[in-house]
Amino acid sequence: MTQSSAQKASTEENSIFTPELIENLNKALELQQDDEFKAAEKLYKDALKQSKHQPDVVNLAAVFYQQIERHKYCITLLNKTLKDHPHHAKSHQLIGTSYLKEKQYEKAIEHLSKANKLDLNNPEILYNLGIAIHRIGKIDEALPYYKRALANNSSLSDAQKIDLYNSIADVYFLQQNRKDAREILEEAFENKLIDHTTLVRLSVAKGHSDPASLEHAIEAIQRAPNEEEAKTLFARSCELGLTPKISNEHLKQIIIQSLHSQYVCHQALAVIWLKNFLRLTNEEHIINFFEAKTFESFKSYFEQPGAKEIFFDPYFILGLKKIYTKRYKFECVLIFL
């Protein structure tokens, strides 16, 4: 292309961005941010017609369609653009991301690799390329992309950074490298870039017999009470004799949630269930009940104001349904009860 023809093409492209088009795009972005998607889509479609599918306008529209999970349409738009502009890095990045969402990993890798060559060290490209390669099972090839994304992560969202740490840890686990998995997860923990799955991974990496493993499992349950894996880790650590530093209503709720789980070995919670029951119960009542030598003396304590209520606590009743204890004095209490 001669200098004059290049200048002409540049002038024509700039002429596309009329004040009206720019105003429509700005309004569409505002509507998109306010979740007014129907109105935003109309403006994006008008902008695409006005600009004759100019790549930058197509990319803005593609980001919108990705937000509303219309990845197939997004792919159609971007494929048309790439026919005329095969070296447009952002277009390759966006179509690769949509292919990734559609679980078409080979095509995602193809386009994200091109985007990476055109835009080196872009953390979002590196992050998504690592994910796509990871998904097809090539973990050793995925790891360098993850590491490069982490080293240049300033433009990533916190959610992406958390997922990046978790993904790197997963690769190390698959490589049977628990030491590096633990170190990368500890780095995430120190940087406060964690979710409940990070805590589960950290609990696993540290091992059931490590007191910190128990604390991570407890925090994971608090963050996601409906998830089951952390409850099994919590029960396993308790079974090995570890005792949580806390003994309060929060721990009580964690034990209740674990006893309700069908995936947990309930008997593993016998000791911590009893300890927490004793610690949270009126000490005077507990001493009286445990020191009772006869049924009559137990009955007299039972009838004192506020005494019998401790045995009607749902926590206590649930424990009796799910586990048994091996403490002689407690068994005597149950016999009298």
Protein backbone atom coordinates (compact mmCIF):
# COMPACT_ATOMS: atom_id res chain seq x y z
CA MET A 1 0.00 0.00 0.00
CA THR A 2 1.43 3.41 -0.99
CA GLN A 3 1.63 6.31 1.45
CA SER A 4 -1.23 8.12 -0.26
CA SER A 5 -3.50 5.05 -0.21
CA ALA A 6 -2.67 4.44 3.47
CA GLN A 7 -3.56 8.02 4.30
CA LYS A 8 -6.80 7.64 2.36
CA ALA A 9 -7.72 4.46 4.30
CA SER A 10 -6.93 6.17 7.58
CA THR A 11 -9.08 9.16 6.63
CA GLU A 12 -11.97 6.89 5.64
CA GLU A 13 -11.75 4.97 8.91
CA ASN A 14 -11.72 8.15 10.98
CA SER A 15 -14.68 9.48 9.02
CA ILE A 16 -16.70 6.49 10.20
CA PHE A 17 -16.58 7.74 13.79
CA THR A 18 -19.09 10.54 13.39
CA PRO A 19 -20.34 12.47 16.44
CA GLU A 20 -23.61 10.55 16.16
CA LEU A 21 -21.82 7.17 16.22
CA ILE A 22 -19.68 8.16 19.19
CA GLU A 23 -22.74 9.40 21.06
CA ASN A 24 -24.59 6.13 20.38
CA LEU A 25 -21.65 4.05 21.59
CA ASN A 26 -21.31 6.08 24.78
CA LYS A 27 -25.03 5.75 25.45
CA ALA A 28 -24.88 2.00 24.77
CA LEU A 29 -22.04 1.63 27.28
CA GLU A 30 -24.04 3.53 29.91
CA LEU A 31 -27.09 1.33 29.35
CA GLN A 32 -24.90 -1.77 29.47
CA GLN A 33 -23.45 -0.70 32.83
CA ASP A 34 -26.99 -0.11 34.13
CA ASP A 35 -28.06 -3.61 32.99
CA GLU A 36 -30.53 -2.17 30.49
CA PHE A 37 -29.53 -4.75 27.94
CA LYS A 38 -32.42 -4.54 25.50
CA ALA A 39 -31.94 -0.82 24.90
CA ALA A 40 -28.15 -1.23 24.78
CA GLU A 41 -28.39 -3.98 22.16
CA LYS A 42 -30.44 -1.78 19.84
CA LEU A 43 -27.80 0.94 19.98
CA TYR A 44 -24.98 -1.54 19.37
CA LYS A 45 -26.78 -2.93 16.32
CA ASP A 46 -27.27 0.60 14.97
CA ALA A 47 -23.59 1.36 15.62
CA LEU A 48 -22.51 -1.77 13.74
CA LYS A 49 -24.53 -0.67 10.68
CA GLN A 50 -23.29 2.93 10.86
CA SER A 51 -19.64 1.85 11.13
CA LYS A 52 -19.92 -0.90 8.49
CA HIS A 53 -18.65 -3.36 11.13
CA GLN A 54 -15.45 -1.45 11.86
CA PRO A 55 -13.29 -3.72 14.14
CA ASP A 56 -13.22 -1.48 17.20
CA VAL A 57 -17.01 -1.10 17.10
CA VAL A 58 -17.44 -4.85 16.59
CA ASN A 59 -15.20 -5.48 19.61
CA LEU A 60 -17.30 -3.18 21.80
CA ALA A 61 -20.42 -5.02 20.68
CA ALA A 62 -18.68 -8.37 21.26
CA VAL A 63 -17.88 -7.44 24.86
CA PHE A 64 -21.57 -6.64 25.33
CA TYR A 65 -22.70 -9.96 23.86
CA GLN A 66 -20.20 -11.80 26.04
CA GLN A 67 -21.68 -10.10 29.09
CA ILE A 68 -25.16 -11.38 28.23
CA GLU A 69 -23.74 -14.87 27.45
CA ARG A 70 -24.51 -14.81 23.71
CA HIS A 71 -21.17 -16.28 22.75
CA LYS A 72 -22.28 -17.95 19.53
CA TYR A 73 -23.48 -14.64 18.10
CA CYS A 74 -20.30 -13.02 19.36
CA ILE A 75 -18.25 -15.62 17.44
CA THR A 76 -20.26 -14.94 14.27
CA LEU A 77 -19.62 -11.20 14.53
CA LEU A 78 -15.91 -11.56 15.15
CA ASN A 79 -15.35 -14.15 12.40
CA LYS A 80 -16.67 -11.63 9.86
CA THR A 81 -14.30 -8.98 11.22
CA LEU A 82 -11.26 -11.28 11.18
CA LYS A 83 -11.77 -12.08 7.50
CA ASP A 84 -11.00 -8.46 6.66
CA HIS A 85 -8.69 -7.77 9.63
CA PRO A 86 -6.81 -11.01 10.33
CA HIS A 87 -4.18 -9.35 12.53
CA HIS A 88 -6.48 -7.57 14.96
CA ALA A 89 -5.27 -8.71 18.40
CA LYS A 90 -8.37 -7.72 20.36
CA SER A 91 -10.68 -9.53 17.96
CA HIS A 92 -8.64 -12.72 18.30
CA GLN A 93 -8.70 -12.32 22.09
CA LEU A 94 -12.47 -11.85 22.24
CA ILE A 95 -13.35 -14.68 19.85
CA GLY A 96 -10.92 -16.96 21.71
CA THR A 97 -12.66 -16.11 24.97
CA SER A 98 -16.08 -16.90 23.49
CA TYR A 99 -14.81 -20.21 22.09
CA LEU A 100 -13.50 -20.96 25.59
CA LYS A 101 -16.94 -20.27 27.08
CA GLU A 102 -18.47 -22.55 24.46
CA LYS A 103 -15.96 -25.27 25.44
CA GLN A 104 -14.46 -25.30 21.95
CA TYR A 105 -10.97 -25.41 23.40
CA GLU A 106 -8.94 -26.08 20.24
CA LYS A 107 -10.42 -23.04 18.49
CA ALA A 108 -9.97 -20.99 21.65
CA ILE A 109 -6.28 -21.95 21.72
CA GLU A 110 -5.89 -21.09 18.02
CA HIS A 111 -7.21 -17.54 18.40
CA LEU A 112 -5.75 -16.81 21.83
CA SER A 113 -2.33 -17.93 20.60
CA LYS A 114 -2.60 -15.46 17.71
CA ALA A 115 -3.70 -12.74 20.12
CA ASN A 116 -0.73 -13.54 22.37
CA LYS A 117 1.73 -13.14 19.47
CA LEU A 118 0.18 -9.80 18.57
CA ASP A 119 -0.10 -8.54 22.16
CA LEU A 120 2.63 -10.05 24.32
CA ASN A 121 2.21 -10.21 28.11
CA ASN A 122 -1.46 -9.24 28.05
CA PRO A 123 -2.57 -10.95 31.30
CA GLU A 124 -6.14 -11.66 30.19
CA ILE A 125 -4.94 -13.39 27.02
CA LEU A 126 -2.34 -15.39 28.97
CA TYR A 127 -4.91 -16.30 31.64
CA ASN A 128 -7.52 -17.56 29.16
CA LEU A 129 -4.91 -19.32 27.02
CA GLY A 130 -3.70 -21.15 30.12
CA ILE A 131 -7.28 -22.19 30.94
CA ALA A 132 -7.93 -23.49 27.41
CA ILE A 133 -4.71 -25.52 27.36
CA HIS A 134 -5.45 -26.79 30.89
CA ARG A 135 -8.92 -27.93 29.77
CA ILE A 136 -7.50 -30.23 27.09
CA GLY A 137 -5.23 -31.82 29.69
CA LYS A 138 -1.88 -30.30 28.71
CA ILE A 139 -1.08 -29.10 32.21
CA ASP A 140 2.67 -28.74 31.69
CA GLU A 141 2.03 -26.40 28.76
CA ALA A 142 -0.62 -24.43 30.64
CA LEU A 143 1.58 -23.63 33.64
CA PRO A 144 3.94 -21.10 31.92
CA TYR A 145 0.95 -19.08 30.67
CA TYR A 146 -0.56 -19.06 34.16
CA LYS A 147 2.73 -17.89 35.66
CA ARG A 148 3.16 -15.12 33.09
CA ALA A 149 -0.41 -13.96 33.72
CA LEU A 150 0.25 -13.90 37.46
CA ALA A 151 3.44 -11.90 36.97
CA ASN A 152 1.50 -9.26 34.98
CA ASN A 153 -1.82 -9.41 36.80
CA SER A 154 -2.47 -5.71 37.47
CA SER A 155 -5.37 -5.51 34.97
CA LEU A 156 -7.06 -8.71 36.13
CA SER A 157 -10.07 -8.62 38.43
CA ASP A 158 -9.79 -10.09 41.92
CA ALA A 159 -12.01 -12.99 40.82
CA GLN A 160 -9.64 -13.75 37.94
CA LYS A 161 -6.60 -13.53 40.23
CA ILE A 162 -8.23 -15.94 42.70
CA ASP A 163 -9.04 -18.37 39.90
CA LEU A 164 -5.49 -18.01 38.58
CA TYR A 165 -3.98 -18.96 41.95
CA ASN A 166 -6.38 -21.91 42.22
CA SER A 167 -5.58 -23.06 38.67
CA ILE A 168 -1.82 -22.97 39.29
CA ALA A 169 -2.34 -24.99 42.48
CA ASP A 170 -4.44 -27.53 40.54
CA VAL A 171 -1.61 -28.00 38.06
CA TYR A 172 0.85 -28.61 40.90
CA PHE A 173 -1.54 -31.11 42.50
CA LEU A 174 -1.81 -32.98 39.19
CA GLN A 175 1.98 -33.01 39.01
CA GLN A 176 2.07 -34.55 42.51
CA ASN A 177 3.86 -31.41 43.70
CA ARG A 178 2.15 -30.61 46.99
CA LYS A 179 4.98 -28.36 48.20
CA ASP A 180 4.63 -25.85 45.34
CA ALA A 181 0.84 -26.10 45.54
CA ARG A 182 1.00 -25.15 49.21
CA GLU A 183 3.38 -22.25 48.53
CA ILE A 184 1.26 -20.71 45.77
CA LEU A 185 -1.88 -21.05 47.88
CA GLU A 186 -0.13 -19.49 50.88
CA GLU A 187 0.81 -16.58 48.63
CA ALA A 188 -2.86 -16.20 47.65
CA PHE A 189 -3.84 -16.33 51.33
CA GLU A 190 -1.29 -13.66 52.28
CA ASN A 191 -2.53 -11.45 49.43
CA LYS A 192 -6.14 -11.98 50.54
CA LEU A 193 -7.02 -13.37 47.12
CA ILE A 194 -9.01 -16.38 48.25
CA ASP A 195 -12.42 -17.98 48.04
CA HIS A 196 -13.76 -21.08 49.75
CA THR A 197 -12.18 -23.33 47.12
CA THR A 198 -8.76 -21.77 47.78
CA LEU A 199 -9.18 -22.62 51.45
CA VAL A 200 -10.19 -26.19 50.60
CA ARG A 201 -7.11 -26.57 48.41
CA LEU A 202 -4.91 -25.08 51.15
CA SER A 203 -6.38 -27.48 53.71
CA VAL A 204 -5.57 -30.41 51.42
CA ALA A 205 -2.08 -29.10 50.65
CA LYS A 206 -1.20 -28.76 54.32
CA GLY A 207 -2.52 -32.19 55.28
CA HIS A 208 -5.18 -33.32 57.75
CA SER A 209 -2.77 -33.44 60.70
CA ASP A 210 -1.69 -29.79 60.37
CA PRO A 211 -3.66 -27.49 62.75
CA ALA A 212 -3.72 -24.84 60.03
CA SER A 213 -5.52 -27.31 57.77
CA LEU A 214 -8.38 -27.49 60.28
CA GLU A 215 -8.59 -23.69 60.51
CA HIS A 216 -8.73 -23.36 56.71
CA ALA A 217 -11.50 -25.98 56.54
CA ILE A 218 -13.50 -24.08 59.17
CA GLU A 219 -13.16 -20.80 57.28
CA ALA A 220 -14.15 -22.52 54.03
CA ILE A 221 -17.35 -23.82 55.65
CA GLN A 222 -18.14 -20.36 57.00
CA ARG A 223 -17.72 -18.86 53.53
CA ALA A 224 -19.77 -21.53 51.73
CA PRO A 225 -22.04 -23.46 54.17
CA ASN A 226 -23.69 -25.46 51.39
CA GLU A 227 -20.47 -26.88 49.95
CA GLU A 228 -19.57 -30.35 51.19
CA GLU A 229 -15.84 -30.87 50.61
CA ALA A 230 -14.67 -28.60 53.44
CA LYS A 231 -16.96 -30.43 55.88
CA THR A 232 -15.27 -33.74 55.10
CA LEU A 233 -11.85 -32.14 55.63
CA PHE A 234 -13.02 -30.64 58.92
CA ALA A 235 -14.31 -34.02 60.14
CA ARG A 236 -11.13 -35.83 59.12
CA SER A 237 -8.93 -33.37 61.05
CA CYS A 238 -11.17 -33.71 64.11
CA GLU A 239 -10.95 -37.49 63.84
CA LEU A 240 -7.14 -37.18 63.98
CA GLY A 241 -7.45 -35.36 67.31
CA LEU A 242 -7.14 -31.74 66.24
CA THR A 243 -9.28 -29.29 68.19
CA PRO A 244 -10.41 -25.91 66.82
CA LYS A 245 -9.12 -22.86 68.65
CA ILE A 246 -12.64 -21.47 68.76
CA SER A 247 -15.50 -22.89 70.79
CA ASN A 248 -18.54 -20.74 70.24
CA GLU A 249 -21.79 -20.43 68.31
CA HIS A 250 -19.89 -20.30 65.00
CA LEU A 251 -18.25 -23.66 65.67
CA LYS A 252 -21.59 -24.98 66.87
CA GLN A 253 -23.17 -24.13 63.52
CA ILE A 254 -20.26 -25.71 61.64
CA ILE A 255 -20.70 -28.94 63.59
CA ILE A 256 -24.45 -28.89 62.95
CA GLN A 257 -23.88 -28.37 59.20
CA SER A 258 -21.34 -31.20 59.17
CA LEU A 259 -23.69 -33.56 61.03
CA HIS A 260 -26.37 -32.84 58.43
CA SER A 261 -23.99 -33.71 55.58
CA GLN A 262 -24.35 -37.16 54.02
CA TYR A 263 -20.69 -37.03 52.92
CA VAL A 264 -19.22 -36.67 56.41
CA CYS A 265 -18.23 -39.48 58.77
CA HIS A 266 -20.38 -38.27 61.67
CA GLN A 267 -18.63 -40.39 64.25
CA ALA A 268 -15.42 -38.46 63.53
CA LEU A 269 -17.12 -35.45 65.15
CA ALA A 270 -17.96 -37.19 68.44
CA VAL A 271 -15.21 -35.61 70.53
CA ILE A 272 -15.54 -32.07 69.18
CA TRP A 273 -19.35 -32.27 69.42
CA LEU A 274 -19.18 -33.22 73.09
CA LYS A 275 -16.44 -30.72 73.93
CA ASN A 276 -18.38 -27.88 72.34
CA PHE A 277 -21.56 -28.94 74.13
CA LEU A 278 -19.81 -28.91 77.50
CA ARG A 279 -18.06 -25.59 76.88
CA LEU A 280 -21.22 -23.79 75.80
CA THR A 281 -23.43 -25.14 78.58
CA ASN A 282 -23.90 -23.65 82.04
CA GLU A 283 -20.96 -25.07 84.00
CA GLU A 284 -22.95 -25.52 87.22
CA HIS A 285 -25.63 -27.60 85.48
CA ILE A 286 -23.05 -29.76 83.72
CA ILE A 287 -21.16 -30.48 86.96
CA ASN A 288 -24.37 -31.42 88.74
CA PHE A 289 -25.52 -33.77 85.98
CA PHE A 290 -22.13 -35.43 85.59
CA GLU A 291 -21.67 -35.89 89.33
CA ALA A 292 -25.09 -37.44 89.89
CA LYS A 293 -24.67 -40.91 91.39
CA THR A 294 -28.34 -41.93 91.40
CA PHE A 295 -31.39 -41.34 89.30
CA GLU A 296 -33.06 -39.44 92.12
CA SER A 297 -30.20 -36.97 92.43
CA PHE A 298 -30.15 -36.54 88.64
CA LYS A 299 -33.91 -35.94 88.64
CA SER A 300 -33.63 -33.27 91.34
CA TYR A 301 -31.04 -31.38 89.23
CA PHE A 302 -33.13 -31.86 86.11
CA GLU A 303 -36.12 -30.13 87.72
CA GLN A 304 -34.15 -27.04 88.72
CA PRO A 305 -35.02 -23.86 86.73
CA GLY A 306 -33.16 -23.68 83.40
CA ALA A 307 -31.52 -27.09 83.77
CA LYS A 308 -33.62 -29.32 81.52
CA GLU A 309 -33.43 -26.87 78.60
CA ILE A 310 -29.84 -27.87 77.80
CA PHE A 311 -31.09 -31.30 76.70
CA PHE A 312 -33.68 -29.80 74.34
CA ASP A 313 -31.10 -27.86 72.35
CA PRO A 314 -31.35 -29.01 68.66
CA TYR A 315 -27.54 -29.28 68.66
CA PHE A 316 -27.65 -31.82 71.49
CA ILE A 317 -30.52 -33.83 69.97
CA LEU A 318 -28.86 -33.91 66.53
CA GLY A 319 -25.65 -35.22 68.08
CA LEU A 320 -27.54 -38.04 69.83
CA LYS A 321 -29.08 -39.05 66.50
CA LYS A 322 -25.84 -39.06 64.53
CA ILE A 323 -23.05 -40.23 66.86
CA TYR A 324 -22.28 -42.15 70.03
CA THR A 325 -19.75 -41.30 72.73
CA LYS A 326 -17.33 -43.44 74.72
CA ARG A 327 -17.25 -41.25 77.82
CA TYR A 328 -18.45 -43.21 80.86
CA LYS A 329 -19.88 -40.22 82.76
CA PHE A 330 -21.71 -38.97 79.70
CA GLU A 331 -23.21 -42.42 79.13
CA CYS A 332 -24.47 -42.33 82.74
CA VAL A 333 -26.08 -38.96 82.07
CA LEU A 334 -27.82 -40.41 79.00
CA ILE A 335 -29.05 -43.43 80.97
CA PHE A 336 -30.57 -41.17 83.64
CA LEU A 337 -31.98 -38.88 80.96
